[in-house]
N, C-alpha and C. Protein backbone atom coordinates (compact mmCIF):
# COMPACT_ATOMS: atom_id res chain seq x y z
N MET A 1 0.90 -1.23 -0.06
CA MET A 1 -0.21 -0.10 0.02
C MET A 1 0.85 1.16 -0.03
N GLU A 2 1.93 1.31 0.84
CA GLU A 2 2.75 2.49 0.93
C GLU A 2 3.52 2.66 -0.30
N GLU A 3 3.85 1.55 -1.01
CA GLU A 3 4.71 1.65 -2.21
C GLU A 3 3.78 2.41 -3.28
N GLY A 4 2.48 1.97 -3.44
CA GLY A 4 1.58 2.63 -4.52
C GLY A 4 1.50 4.20 -4.23
N LYS A 5 1.36 4.57 -2.89
CA LYS A 5 1.31 5.99 -2.42
C LYS A 5 2.65 6.72 -3.01
N ASN A 6 3.79 6.14 -2.64
CA ASN A 6 4.98 6.84 -2.97
C ASN A 6 5.09 6.88 -4.55
N GLU A 7 4.55 5.93 -5.34
CA GLU A 7 4.63 5.98 -6.61
C GLU A 7 3.75 7.31 -7.36
N LYS A 8 2.59 7.24 -6.65
CA LYS A 8 1.77 8.53 -7.00
C LYS A 8 2.24 9.82 -6.55
N VAL A 9 3.05 9.81 -5.51
CA VAL A 9 3.76 11.15 -5.14
C VAL A 9 4.81 11.56 -6.07
N ASN A 10 5.63 10.16 -6.36
CA ASN A 10 6.63 10.56 -7.30
C ASN A 10 6.28 10.94 -8.76
N GLN A 11 5.15 10.35 -9.04
CA GLN A 11 4.56 10.87 -10.25
C GLN A 11 4.25 12.22 -10.39
N ALA A 12 3.59 12.52 -9.37
CA ALA A 12 3.23 14.08 -9.17
C ALA A 12 4.43 15.02 -9.15
N HIS A 13 5.54 14.67 -8.65
CA HIS A 13 6.88 15.31 -8.68
C HIS A 13 7.34 15.58 -10.09
N VAL A 14 7.34 14.35 -11.01
CA VAL A 14 7.77 14.35 -11.98
C VAL A 14 6.99 15.29 -13.22
N LEU A 15 5.60 15.27 -12.82
CA LEU A 15 4.64 16.12 -13.59
C LEU A 15 4.84 17.69 -13.19
N PHE A 16 5.05 17.85 -12.00
CA PHE A 16 5.46 19.34 -11.59
C PHE A 16 6.76 19.68 -12.15
N ASP A 17 7.71 18.88 -12.21
CA ASP A 17 8.96 19.26 -12.85
C ASP A 17 8.89 19.53 -14.34
N ARG A 18 7.95 18.79 -14.92
CA ARG A 18 7.85 18.76 -16.53
C ARG A 18 7.00 20.12 -16.67
N PHE A 19 6.15 20.53 -15.81
CA PHE A 19 5.45 21.90 -16.00
C PHE A 19 6.33 22.96 -15.83
N VAL A 20 7.09 22.94 -14.80
CA VAL A 20 8.14 24.13 -14.50
C VAL A 20 9.13 24.12 -15.72
N GLN A 21 9.56 23.05 -16.10
CA GLN A 21 10.62 23.12 -17.15
C GLN A 21 10.13 23.27 -18.61
N ALA A 22 8.74 23.36 -18.90
CA ALA A 22 8.29 23.66 -20.18
C ALA A 22 8.71 24.69 -20.81
N SER A 23 9.02 24.72 -22.05
CA SER A 23 9.75 25.74 -22.69
C SER A 23 8.72 26.54 -23.70
N THR A 24 7.72 25.97 -23.90
CA THR A 24 6.58 26.62 -24.76
C THR A 24 5.15 26.69 -24.16
N CYS A 25 4.59 27.61 -24.67
CA CYS A 25 3.20 27.94 -24.14
C CYS A 25 2.21 26.68 -24.02
N LYS A 26 2.30 25.96 -25.29
CA LYS A 26 1.84 24.63 -25.51
C LYS A 26 2.11 23.60 -24.54
N GLY A 27 3.48 23.57 -24.34
CA GLY A 27 4.05 22.47 -23.54
C GLY A 27 3.69 22.84 -22.09
N THR A 28 3.58 24.13 -21.81
CA THR A 28 3.25 24.47 -20.30
C THR A 28 1.84 24.27 -20.07
N LEU A 29 0.87 24.42 -20.97
CA LEU A 29 -0.52 24.18 -20.80
C LEU A 29 -0.67 22.76 -20.67
N LYS A 30 -0.03 21.91 -21.50
CA LYS A 30 -0.21 20.50 -21.49
C LYS A 30 0.40 19.82 -20.19
N ALA A 31 1.49 20.36 -19.81
CA ALA A 31 2.09 19.81 -18.47
C ALA A 31 1.10 20.27 -17.37
N PHE A 32 0.54 21.47 -17.45
CA PHE A 32 -0.41 21.94 -16.18
C PHE A 32 -1.51 20.90 -16.20
N GLN A 33 -2.09 20.72 -17.35
CA GLN A 33 -3.37 19.92 -17.46
C GLN A 33 -3.07 18.53 -17.11
N GLU A 34 -1.91 17.94 -17.34
CA GLU A 34 -1.47 16.61 -16.94
C GLU A 34 -1.35 16.61 -15.42
N LEU A 35 -0.67 17.45 -14.86
CA LEU A 35 -0.63 17.58 -13.40
C LEU A 35 -1.92 17.69 -12.66
N CYS A 36 -2.80 18.57 -13.25
CA CYS A 36 -4.13 18.63 -12.65
C CYS A 36 -4.92 17.28 -12.83
N ASP A 37 -4.94 16.79 -13.80
CA ASP A 37 -5.61 15.53 -14.07
C ASP A 37 -5.12 14.52 -13.19
N TYR A 38 -3.79 14.38 -12.95
CA TYR A 38 -3.17 13.49 -12.18
C TYR A 38 -3.69 13.50 -10.68
N LEU A 39 -3.61 14.83 -10.38
CA LEU A 39 -4.08 15.16 -9.00
C LEU A 39 -5.41 15.24 -8.59
N GLU A 40 -6.39 14.96 -9.83
CA GLU A 40 -7.88 15.19 -9.77
C GLU A 40 -8.11 16.70 -9.34
N LEU A 41 -7.66 17.60 -9.75
CA LEU A 41 -8.00 19.08 -9.50
C LEU A 41 -8.55 19.57 -10.81
N LYS A 42 -9.41 20.51 -10.60
CA LYS A 42 -10.12 21.28 -11.35
C LYS A 42 -9.86 22.68 -11.47
N PRO A 43 -8.79 23.21 -12.26
CA PRO A 43 -8.32 24.67 -12.34
C PRO A 43 -9.50 25.74 -12.36
N LYS A 44 -10.60 25.37 -12.94
CA LYS A 44 -11.70 26.26 -13.08
C LYS A 44 -12.34 26.66 -11.69
N ASP A 45 -11.99 25.92 -10.63
CA ASP A 45 -12.45 26.02 -9.38
C ASP A 45 -11.50 27.04 -8.67
N TYR A 46 -11.26 28.17 -9.34
CA TYR A 46 -10.17 29.22 -8.97
C TYR A 46 -10.04 29.55 -7.40
N ARG A 47 -11.16 29.59 -6.82
CA ARG A 47 -11.08 30.16 -5.49
C ARG A 47 -10.59 29.19 -4.36
N SER A 48 -10.71 28.01 -4.69
CA SER A 48 -9.86 27.06 -3.84
C SER A 48 -8.89 26.20 -4.59
N PHE A 49 -8.59 26.60 -5.72
CA PHE A 49 -7.50 25.71 -6.48
C PHE A 49 -6.12 25.81 -5.86
N TYR A 50 -5.67 26.82 -5.35
CA TYR A 50 -4.32 27.02 -4.91
C TYR A 50 -4.22 26.05 -3.71
N HIS A 51 -5.18 26.30 -2.83
CA HIS A 51 -5.08 25.59 -1.56
C HIS A 51 -5.20 23.94 -1.84
N LYS A 52 -6.06 23.59 -2.63
CA LYS A 52 -6.09 22.17 -3.08
C LYS A 52 -4.68 21.63 -3.62
N LEU A 53 -4.18 22.42 -4.61
CA LEU A 53 -2.92 21.96 -5.09
C LEU A 53 -1.94 22.04 -4.17
N LYS A 54 -1.93 22.83 -3.38
CA LYS A 54 -0.79 23.02 -2.19
C LYS A 54 -0.98 21.71 -1.14
N SER A 55 -2.20 21.26 -0.99
CA SER A 55 -2.32 20.25 -0.06
C SER A 55 -1.93 19.03 -1.04
N LYS A 56 -2.16 18.78 -2.10
CA LYS A 56 -1.97 17.56 -2.81
C LYS A 56 -0.68 17.37 -3.37
N LEU A 57 0.11 18.48 -3.44
CA LEU A 57 1.53 18.38 -4.00
C LEU A 57 2.63 18.69 -2.99
N ASN A 58 3.06 17.70 -2.34
CA ASN A 58 3.82 17.67 -1.12
C ASN A 58 5.25 17.50 -1.63
N TYR A 59 5.86 18.46 -2.40
CA TYR A 59 7.13 18.25 -2.96
C TYR A 59 7.98 19.38 -2.58
N TRP A 60 9.23 19.16 -2.41
CA TRP A 60 10.06 20.15 -1.80
C TRP A 60 10.28 21.46 -2.84
N LYS A 61 10.23 21.14 -4.20
CA LYS A 61 10.46 22.09 -5.20
C LYS A 61 9.03 22.98 -5.19
N ALA A 62 7.92 22.24 -4.92
CA ALA A 62 6.61 22.99 -4.98
C ALA A 62 6.48 23.82 -3.55
N LYS A 63 7.18 23.14 -2.50
CA LYS A 63 6.92 23.77 -1.06
C LYS A 63 7.75 25.11 -1.24
N ALA A 64 8.79 25.23 -2.06
CA ALA A 64 9.52 26.38 -2.14
C ALA A 64 8.64 27.65 -2.78
N LEU A 65 8.09 27.13 -3.86
CA LEU A 65 7.10 28.07 -4.62
C LEU A 65 6.12 28.50 -3.56
N TRP A 66 5.31 27.58 -2.79
CA TRP A 66 4.25 27.83 -1.94
C TRP A 66 4.76 28.84 -1.03
N ALA A 67 5.92 28.67 -0.50
CA ALA A 67 6.47 29.58 0.53
C ALA A 67 6.63 31.14 -0.03
N LYS A 68 7.03 31.27 -1.06
CA LYS A 68 7.07 32.45 -1.67
C LYS A 68 5.69 33.19 -2.18
N LEU A 69 5.01 32.37 -2.59
CA LEU A 69 3.44 32.78 -2.78
C LEU A 69 2.80 33.11 -1.52
N ASP A 70 2.95 32.26 -0.62
CA ASP A 70 2.25 32.42 0.83
C ASP A 70 2.77 33.81 1.46
N LYS A 71 4.14 34.07 1.43
CA LYS A 71 4.74 35.23 1.91
C LYS A 71 4.23 36.55 1.16
N ARG A 72 4.03 36.59 -0.17
CA ARG A 72 3.50 37.55 -0.79
C ARG A 72 2.01 37.80 -0.56
N GLY A 73 1.21 36.64 -0.51
CA GLY A 73 -0.19 36.71 -0.06
C GLY A 73 -0.56 37.26 1.25
N SER A 74 0.41 37.12 2.10
CA SER A 74 0.24 37.78 3.45
C SER A 74 0.38 39.24 3.60
N HIS A 75 0.80 39.86 2.66
CA HIS A 75 1.28 41.24 2.69
C HIS A 75 0.14 42.03 3.13
N LYS A 76 0.37 43.09 3.90
CA LYS A 76 -0.83 43.94 4.44
C LYS A 76 -1.75 44.42 3.35
N ASP A 77 -1.09 44.79 2.16
CA ASP A 77 -1.93 45.54 1.14
C ASP A 77 -2.87 44.69 0.71
N TYR A 78 -2.95 43.26 0.80
CA TYR A 78 -4.03 42.40 0.37
C TYR A 78 -5.24 42.49 1.28
N LYS A 79 -4.82 42.89 2.43
CA LYS A 79 -5.97 42.92 3.51
C LYS A 79 -6.66 41.69 3.61
N LYS A 80 -5.98 40.38 3.72
CA LYS A 80 -6.45 39.12 3.95
C LYS A 80 -7.63 38.90 2.88
N GLY A 81 -7.26 39.19 1.56
CA GLY A 81 -8.27 38.93 0.40
C GLY A 81 -9.54 39.86 0.37
N LYS A 82 -9.48 40.86 1.19
CA LYS A 82 -10.64 41.68 1.27
C LYS A 82 -10.44 43.19 0.61
N ALA A 83 -9.24 43.36 0.12
CA ALA A 83 -8.97 44.71 -0.35
C ALA A 83 -9.81 45.26 -1.49
N CYS A 84 -10.24 44.24 -2.40
CA CYS A 84 -11.23 44.62 -3.58
C CYS A 84 -12.36 43.61 -3.56
N ALA A 85 -12.90 43.60 -2.55
CA ALA A 85 -14.12 42.76 -2.39
C ALA A 85 -15.19 43.16 -3.37
N ASN A 86 -15.98 42.24 -3.94
CA ASN A 86 -17.00 42.63 -5.16
C ASN A 86 -16.43 43.24 -6.31
N THR A 87 -15.26 42.92 -6.67
CA THR A 87 -14.68 43.48 -7.65
C THR A 87 -14.38 42.45 -8.83
N LYS A 88 -14.55 42.74 -10.05
CA LYS A 88 -14.30 41.85 -11.18
C LYS A 88 -13.19 42.37 -12.01
N CYS A 89 -12.37 41.36 -12.71
CA CYS A 89 -11.31 41.85 -13.53
C CYS A 89 -11.06 40.94 -14.63
N LEU A 90 -10.73 41.35 -15.81
CA LEU A 90 -10.51 40.63 -16.97
C LEU A 90 -9.04 40.93 -17.30
N ILE A 91 -8.25 39.97 -17.41
CA ILE A 91 -6.88 40.00 -17.93
C ILE A 91 -6.57 39.62 -19.35
N ILE A 92 -6.19 40.53 -20.06
CA ILE A 92 -5.96 40.12 -21.40
C ILE A 92 -4.35 39.92 -21.66
N GLY A 93 -4.06 38.73 -21.97
CA GLY A 93 -2.62 38.46 -22.17
C GLY A 93 -2.25 37.47 -21.12
N ALA A 94 -1.23 36.55 -21.48
CA ALA A 94 -0.74 35.72 -20.59
C ALA A 94 0.59 35.73 -20.51
N GLY A 95 1.33 36.79 -20.67
CA GLY A 95 2.63 36.83 -20.69
C GLY A 95 3.20 37.27 -19.21
N PRO A 96 4.34 37.46 -19.08
CA PRO A 96 4.73 37.60 -17.66
C PRO A 96 4.01 38.68 -16.82
N CYS A 97 3.60 39.77 -17.58
CA CYS A 97 2.75 40.76 -17.01
C CYS A 97 1.32 40.43 -16.50
N GLY A 98 0.76 39.66 -17.54
CA GLY A 98 -0.49 39.13 -17.32
C GLY A 98 -0.59 38.01 -16.10
N LEU A 99 0.52 37.20 -16.26
CA LEU A 99 0.62 36.13 -15.10
C LEU A 99 0.78 36.87 -13.67
N ARG A 100 1.63 37.77 -13.72
CA ARG A 100 1.90 38.56 -12.35
C ARG A 100 0.60 39.13 -11.90
N THR A 101 -0.11 39.72 -12.94
CA THR A 101 -1.37 40.47 -12.46
C THR A 101 -2.47 39.51 -12.04
N ALA A 102 -2.54 38.29 -12.74
CA ALA A 102 -3.46 37.17 -12.18
C ALA A 102 -3.04 36.57 -10.89
N ILE A 103 -1.79 36.49 -10.61
CA ILE A 103 -1.44 35.99 -9.28
C ILE A 103 -1.78 37.06 -8.19
N ASP A 104 -1.30 38.38 -8.44
CA ASP A 104 -1.87 39.49 -7.60
C ASP A 104 -3.30 39.50 -7.16
N LEU A 105 -3.98 39.54 -8.37
CA LEU A 105 -5.58 39.38 -8.42
C LEU A 105 -6.11 38.24 -7.52
N SER A 106 -5.41 37.13 -7.71
CA SER A 106 -5.98 35.85 -6.80
C SER A 106 -5.62 36.25 -5.36
N PHE A 107 -4.66 36.89 -4.90
CA PHE A 107 -4.45 37.12 -3.49
C PHE A 107 -5.55 38.06 -3.03
N LEU A 108 -6.14 39.01 -3.91
CA LEU A 108 -7.19 39.84 -3.61
C LEU A 108 -8.62 39.22 -3.77
N GLU A 109 -8.60 37.99 -4.14
CA GLU A 109 -9.78 37.29 -4.28
C GLU A 109 -10.78 37.89 -5.15
N ILE A 110 -10.21 38.33 -6.38
CA ILE A 110 -11.17 39.08 -7.27
C ILE A 110 -11.53 38.05 -8.47
N GLY A 111 -12.78 38.01 -8.66
CA GLY A 111 -13.36 37.19 -9.66
C GLY A 111 -13.06 37.55 -11.10
């Protein structure tokens, strides 16, 4: 039983590494979808996605990323996710600026 659990954890690690190391947009999206499918996560459930991903992916490389994101998310400007309550936002573009904006808005819990 323990061996099967270790195999699942190790496969999640492989998929996370593949996601992080992807060099194209298509490769990144494919690796992300494979990771989500393997961990049985639904990315469209954006309000709880990060917390579910964090709880299912117990990998030292991922933990380093979680620590950075959690530190950023606990900044006083975010007011514990209440700084922009009842606000909606549309992000156009998924380059570095769009991704950064999406991460910051997720800390504000904007829909």
